[in-house]
Amino acid sequence: MYPNYQHIIIIILCIVLIVPKANAYSYAVDAGDPPGIQMASSWSCAKSEGFNRAIIQCYSEYCAQGGGISSTCLGNYQNAINGGYKYIDLYFFPCTGVAYNCKSPQTQVNDLVTFVNQNKMLVQTIWIDFEIDNTLSCSQNWSQDKESNLALAKQFTEAAKATSLNWGIYSTYGQWITLFGDEQAVVDSSFKIWYANYQTPPQQNYDDWNSTAFGGFITPSGKQYTEYNGQCGTYDLNIFTFSTGAPE
């Protein structure tokens, strides 16, 4: 889920590519920031294919501003509702750069929670995105000091736990090692984990988890496993377990 994608990132399962099976998985759509607000028809298109989970970027690192609410968040949320979605997650890409005047973790978390509450958004889970931003506008958004990164990440999870909302973490095996120095480094293993692992061919399961586990997490809640271009847009495909939400 890289913030420099210049398109709608919709996590979808296309029946031409992979036929949904009667298993313990649910499927989702994801809109990032950029590219912009997605029309209700785009959300409805994915919903009609049986993808009943929407994930919307609602906080961006915006390094020049120290972090802030994604400009597309509310519009995408409203259009997802109008497109038929009842189960909606958000993801939170924090400002962490040592070269930028980032707001404190507490302030960034509180800003998002206040925004959610003020707009009466019905949100299931907010995913904290721990990964490096390679865009020129926000390069080097993490320190080279792994211990400092780990301490900073823990400040975000501690701030999140102090709220009344449900939180999880999004990352990858490679990103985790790059940021924190070791796959065994633990930020907070009590959080749900949604991870990405693009295999060839794509694997619509968690069979890879034992060999790519990180962060002290025991069982994953979701997996991003490939990209796909289809009639509703450009997609990332994910699976989620029913335990993290299997809406109607």
Protein backbone atom coordinates (compact mmCIF):
# COMPACT_ATOMS: atom_id res chain seq x y z
CA MET A 1 0.00 0.00 0.00
CA TYR A 2 2.47 2.56 -1.09
CA PRO A 3 1.29 6.18 -0.99
CA ASN A 4 2.94 7.11 -4.32
CA TYR A 5 0.59 4.91 -6.36
CA GLN A 6 -0.98 7.15 -8.96
CA HIS A 7 -4.25 5.35 -9.22
CA ILE A 8 -7.07 3.99 -7.18
CA ILE A 9 -5.86 0.99 -5.30
CA ILE A 10 -8.88 -1.29 -5.12
CA ILE A 11 -8.39 -4.63 -3.46
CA ILE A 12 -10.66 -6.92 -5.46
CA LEU A 13 -11.01 -10.52 -6.49
CA CYS A 14 -11.99 -10.79 -10.16
CA ILE A 15 -13.80 -13.98 -11.15
CA VAL A 16 -11.77 -14.11 -14.37
CA LEU A 17 -8.55 -14.32 -12.39
CA ILE A 18 -9.50 -16.26 -9.27
CA VAL A 19 -12.93 -17.61 -8.40
CA PRO A 20 -13.97 -16.85 -4.79
CA LYS A 21 -14.30 -20.04 -2.81
CA ALA A 22 -16.44 -20.97 0.17
CA ASN A 23 -13.71 -20.56 2.77
CA ALA A 24 -12.88 -18.53 5.86
CA TYR A 25 -11.86 -15.44 3.88
CA SER A 26 -13.54 -12.16 3.06
CA TYR A 27 -12.42 -9.73 0.35
CA ALA A 28 -11.85 -5.97 0.31
CA VAL A 29 -11.43 -2.80 -1.75
CA ASP A 30 -8.86 -0.13 -0.90
CA ALA A 31 -8.67 3.51 -2.02
CA GLY A 32 -5.43 5.39 -1.40
CA ASP A 33 -4.44 9.05 -1.50
CA PRO A 34 -3.54 9.98 -4.24
CA PRO A 35 -5.17 9.60 -6.80
CA GLY A 36 -8.32 11.30 -5.55
CA ILE A 37 -11.92 10.79 -4.58
CA GLN A 38 -13.43 7.70 -6.19
CA MET A 39 -16.98 7.84 -7.46
CA ALA A 40 -19.74 5.83 -5.82
CA SER A 41 -20.07 3.89 -9.07
CA SER A 42 -16.49 2.60 -8.68
CA TRP A 43 -17.24 1.37 -5.18
CA SER A 44 -20.52 -0.12 -6.34
CA CYS A 45 -18.74 -1.93 -9.17
CA ALA A 46 -16.45 -3.70 -6.72
CA LYS A 47 -19.27 -4.32 -4.25
CA SER A 48 -21.33 -6.01 -6.95
CA GLU A 49 -18.51 -8.52 -7.44
CA GLY A 50 -18.84 -9.64 -3.83
CA PHE A 51 -16.15 -7.53 -2.19
CA ASN A 52 -17.74 -6.34 0.99
CA ARG A 53 -14.89 -4.62 2.82
CA ALA A 54 -13.67 -1.09 2.00
CA ILE A 55 -10.37 0.28 3.27
CA ILE A 56 -9.77 4.01 2.86
CA GLN A 57 -6.62 6.02 3.48
CA CYS A 58 -7.62 8.69 5.98
CA TYR A 59 -4.30 10.03 7.26
CA SER A 60 -1.23 10.87 5.19
CA GLU A 61 2.35 11.67 6.10
CA TYR A 62 2.16 15.05 4.26
CA CYS A 63 5.73 15.74 5.34
CA ALA A 64 5.61 19.47 4.59
CA GLN A 65 2.70 19.75 7.02
CA GLY A 66 3.88 17.30 9.65
CA GLY A 67 1.06 14.87 8.83
CA GLY A 68 -2.63 15.44 8.26
CA ILE A 69 -6.04 14.09 7.33
CA SER A 70 -6.04 12.74 3.77
CA SER A 71 -7.83 15.16 1.47
CA THR A 72 -9.73 12.29 -0.13
CA CYS A 73 -10.80 10.50 3.05
CA LEU A 74 -14.27 11.86 3.70
CA GLY A 75 -15.27 11.89 0.04
CA ASN A 76 -14.18 8.29 -0.41
CA TYR A 77 -15.92 7.28 2.80
CA GLN A 78 -19.20 8.88 1.73
CA ASN A 79 -18.99 7.40 -1.75
CA ALA A 80 -18.21 3.95 -0.36
CA ILE A 81 -21.34 4.22 1.78
CA ASN A 82 -23.33 5.29 -1.27
CA GLY A 83 -21.78 2.40 -3.19
CA GLY A 84 -23.26 -0.06 -0.70
CA TYR A 85 -20.48 -0.59 1.83
CA LYS A 86 -21.32 -1.21 5.48
CA TYR A 87 -17.93 -2.52 6.63
CA ILE A 88 -15.28 0.18 6.31
CA ASP A 89 -11.72 0.30 7.62
CA LEU A 90 -9.29 3.21 7.48
CA TYR A 91 -5.54 3.23 7.18
CA PHE A 92 -3.20 5.67 8.81
CA PHE A 93 0.11 6.55 7.13
CA PRO A 94 1.88 8.65 9.80
CA CYS A 95 4.48 11.36 9.42
CA THR A 96 7.69 9.92 10.88
CA GLY A 97 10.51 11.65 9.04
CA VAL A 98 13.53 12.86 10.94
CA ALA A 99 14.04 15.54 8.28
CA TYR A 100 10.52 16.89 8.73
CA ASN A 101 8.73 18.72 11.50
CA CYS A 102 6.25 15.93 12.16
CA LYS A 103 3.50 16.34 14.70
CA SER A 104 3.86 14.10 17.73
CA PRO A 105 2.43 10.56 17.47
CA GLN A 106 -0.18 11.49 20.08
CA THR A 107 -1.28 14.55 18.08
CA GLN A 108 -1.47 12.63 14.80
CA VAL A 109 -3.54 9.84 16.34
CA ASN A 110 -5.81 12.31 18.13
CA ASP A 111 -6.32 14.34 14.94
CA LEU A 112 -7.54 11.24 13.13
CA VAL A 113 -9.78 10.11 15.98
CA THR A 114 -11.29 13.60 16.25
CA PHE A 115 -11.94 13.65 12.50
CA VAL A 116 -13.64 10.25 12.64
CA ASN A 117 -15.83 11.27 15.57
CA GLN A 118 -16.74 14.71 14.23
CA ASN A 119 -17.87 13.21 10.94
CA LYS A 120 -19.71 10.34 12.66
CA MET A 121 -17.78 7.79 10.62
CA LEU A 122 -18.62 4.16 11.39
CA VAL A 123 -15.20 2.51 11.29
CA GLN A 124 -14.29 -1.08 12.13
CA THR A 125 -10.47 -1.02 12.19
CA ILE A 126 -7.78 1.61 11.61
CA TRP A 127 -4.55 0.15 10.23
CA ILE A 128 -1.27 1.91 11.09
CA ASP A 129 0.95 1.68 8.01
CA PHE A 130 4.60 1.08 8.91
CA GLU A 131 6.62 1.34 5.71
CA ILE A 132 9.07 3.60 3.90
CA ASP A 133 7.80 6.29 1.54
CA ASN A 134 10.02 6.42 -1.54
CA THR A 135 8.43 9.52 -3.08
CA LEU A 136 10.68 12.54 -3.51
CA SER A 137 8.29 14.75 -1.55
CA CYS A 138 8.70 12.62 1.56
CA SER A 139 11.85 10.58 1.12
CA GLN A 140 13.74 9.32 4.15
CA ASN A 141 10.55 9.37 6.18
CA TRP A 142 12.17 7.05 8.75
CA SER A 143 15.49 7.30 10.57
CA GLN A 144 18.47 5.09 9.79
CA ASP A 145 18.56 4.32 13.52
CA LYS A 146 16.52 1.13 13.99
CA GLU A 147 16.14 1.56 17.74
CA SER A 148 14.79 5.08 17.26
CA ASN A 149 12.33 3.77 14.69
CA LEU A 150 11.13 1.07 17.06
CA ALA A 151 10.67 3.56 19.87
CA LEU A 152 8.73 5.90 17.57
CA ALA A 153 6.49 3.10 16.29
CA LYS A 154 5.68 2.17 19.88
CA GLN A 155 4.63 5.76 20.55
CA PHE A 156 2.06 5.45 17.76
CA THR A 157 0.67 2.16 19.02
CA GLU A 158 0.52 3.42 22.60
CA ALA A 159 -1.36 6.52 21.47
CA ALA A 160 -3.72 4.34 19.43
CA LYS A 161 -4.43 2.00 22.35
CA ALA A 162 -5.48 4.97 24.47
CA THR A 163 -8.42 5.65 22.13
CA SER A 164 -11.77 3.89 21.98
CA LEU A 165 -11.26 2.70 18.39
CA ASN A 166 -9.96 -0.63 17.07
CA TRP A 167 -6.48 -0.64 15.55
CA GLY A 168 -4.21 -2.93 13.56
CA ILE A 169 -0.83 -2.74 11.81
CA TYR A 170 -0.03 -3.00 8.09
CA SER A 171 3.52 -3.84 6.96
CA THR A 172 5.67 -6.40 5.18
CA TYR A 173 8.49 -8.72 6.21
CA GLY A 174 11.02 -6.69 4.24
CA GLN A 175 9.80 -3.32 5.44
CA TRP A 176 9.83 -4.52 9.05
CA ILE A 177 13.48 -5.54 8.85
CA THR A 178 14.43 -2.31 7.06
CA LEU A 179 12.69 -0.15 9.65
CA PHE A 180 13.39 -2.06 12.85
CA GLY A 181 16.47 -4.14 12.03
CA ASP A 182 15.10 -7.61 12.77
CA GLU A 183 11.96 -9.56 11.93
CA GLN A 184 11.74 -10.43 15.62
CA ALA A 185 11.56 -6.78 16.68
CA VAL A 186 8.24 -6.24 18.47
CA VAL A 187 6.25 -3.00 18.33
CA ASP A 188 3.05 -4.40 19.85
CA SER A 189 2.03 -7.96 19.00
CA SER A 190 -1.39 -7.47 20.57
CA PHE A 191 -2.42 -5.57 17.43
CA LYS A 192 -3.94 -7.34 14.44
CA ILE A 193 -1.52 -7.68 11.52
CA TRP A 194 -2.34 -7.16 7.83
CA TYR A 195 0.73 -7.99 5.76
CA ALA A 196 1.76 -7.94 2.11
CA ASN A 197 3.62 -10.69 0.28
CA TYR A 198 3.58 -10.85 -3.51
CA GLN A 199 4.41 -14.40 -4.60
CA THR A 200 4.66 -16.01 -8.04
CA PRO A 201 2.12 -17.33 -8.68
CA PRO A 202 -0.03 -15.31 -6.25
CA GLN A 203 -1.12 -17.27 -3.19
CA GLN A 204 -4.59 -16.63 -1.85
CA ASN A 205 -3.82 -18.06 1.58
CA TYR A 206 -1.59 -17.65 4.63
CA ASP A 207 0.64 -20.64 3.90
CA ASP A 208 3.64 -18.30 3.61
CA TRP A 209 3.20 -16.78 7.06
CA ASN A 210 5.39 -19.26 8.95
CA SER A 211 8.36 -18.37 6.72
CA THR A 212 7.68 -14.62 6.58
CA ALA A 213 6.32 -13.92 10.07
CA PHE A 214 7.55 -10.81 11.83
CA GLY A 215 6.88 -8.52 14.77
CA GLY A 216 5.90 -11.24 17.21
CA PHE A 217 2.51 -11.63 15.52
CA ILE A 218 1.18 -15.18 15.73
CA THR A 219 -1.74 -15.28 13.30
CA PRO A 220 -2.36 -12.78 10.48
CA SER A 221 -5.71 -11.08 10.01
CA GLY A 222 -5.20 -10.12 6.38
CA LYS A 223 -2.85 -10.50 3.43
CA GLN A 224 -2.24 -8.39 0.34
CA TYR A 225 -0.96 -10.77 -2.32
CA THR A 226 -1.00 -9.35 -5.86
CA GLU A 227 -1.98 -6.52 -8.19
CA TYR A 228 -4.65 -6.71 -10.87
CA ASN A 229 -6.01 -4.41 -13.59
CA GLY A 230 -9.73 -4.88 -14.28
CA GLN A 231 -12.97 -3.29 -15.37
CA CYS A 232 -13.47 -1.40 -12.09
CA GLY A 233 -9.93 -0.03 -11.90
CA THR A 234 -6.40 -1.03 -10.87
CA TYR A 235 -6.42 -3.34 -7.92
CA ASP A 236 -4.47 -4.90 -5.10
CA LEU A 237 -5.94 -8.25 -4.06
CA ASN A 238 -6.31 -9.17 -0.40
CA ILE A 239 -7.78 -11.81 1.79
CA PHE A 240 -9.03 -11.26 5.33
CA THR A 241 -10.19 -13.75 7.90
CA PHE A 242 -13.78 -13.66 9.04
CA SER A 243 -12.56 -12.96 12.57
CA THR A 244 -11.52 -9.48 11.42
CA GLY A 245 -14.91 -8.82 9.94
CA ALA A 246 -17.14 -10.61 7.47
CA PRO A 247 -19.87 -8.11 6.70
CA GLU A 248 -22.94 -8.94 4.70
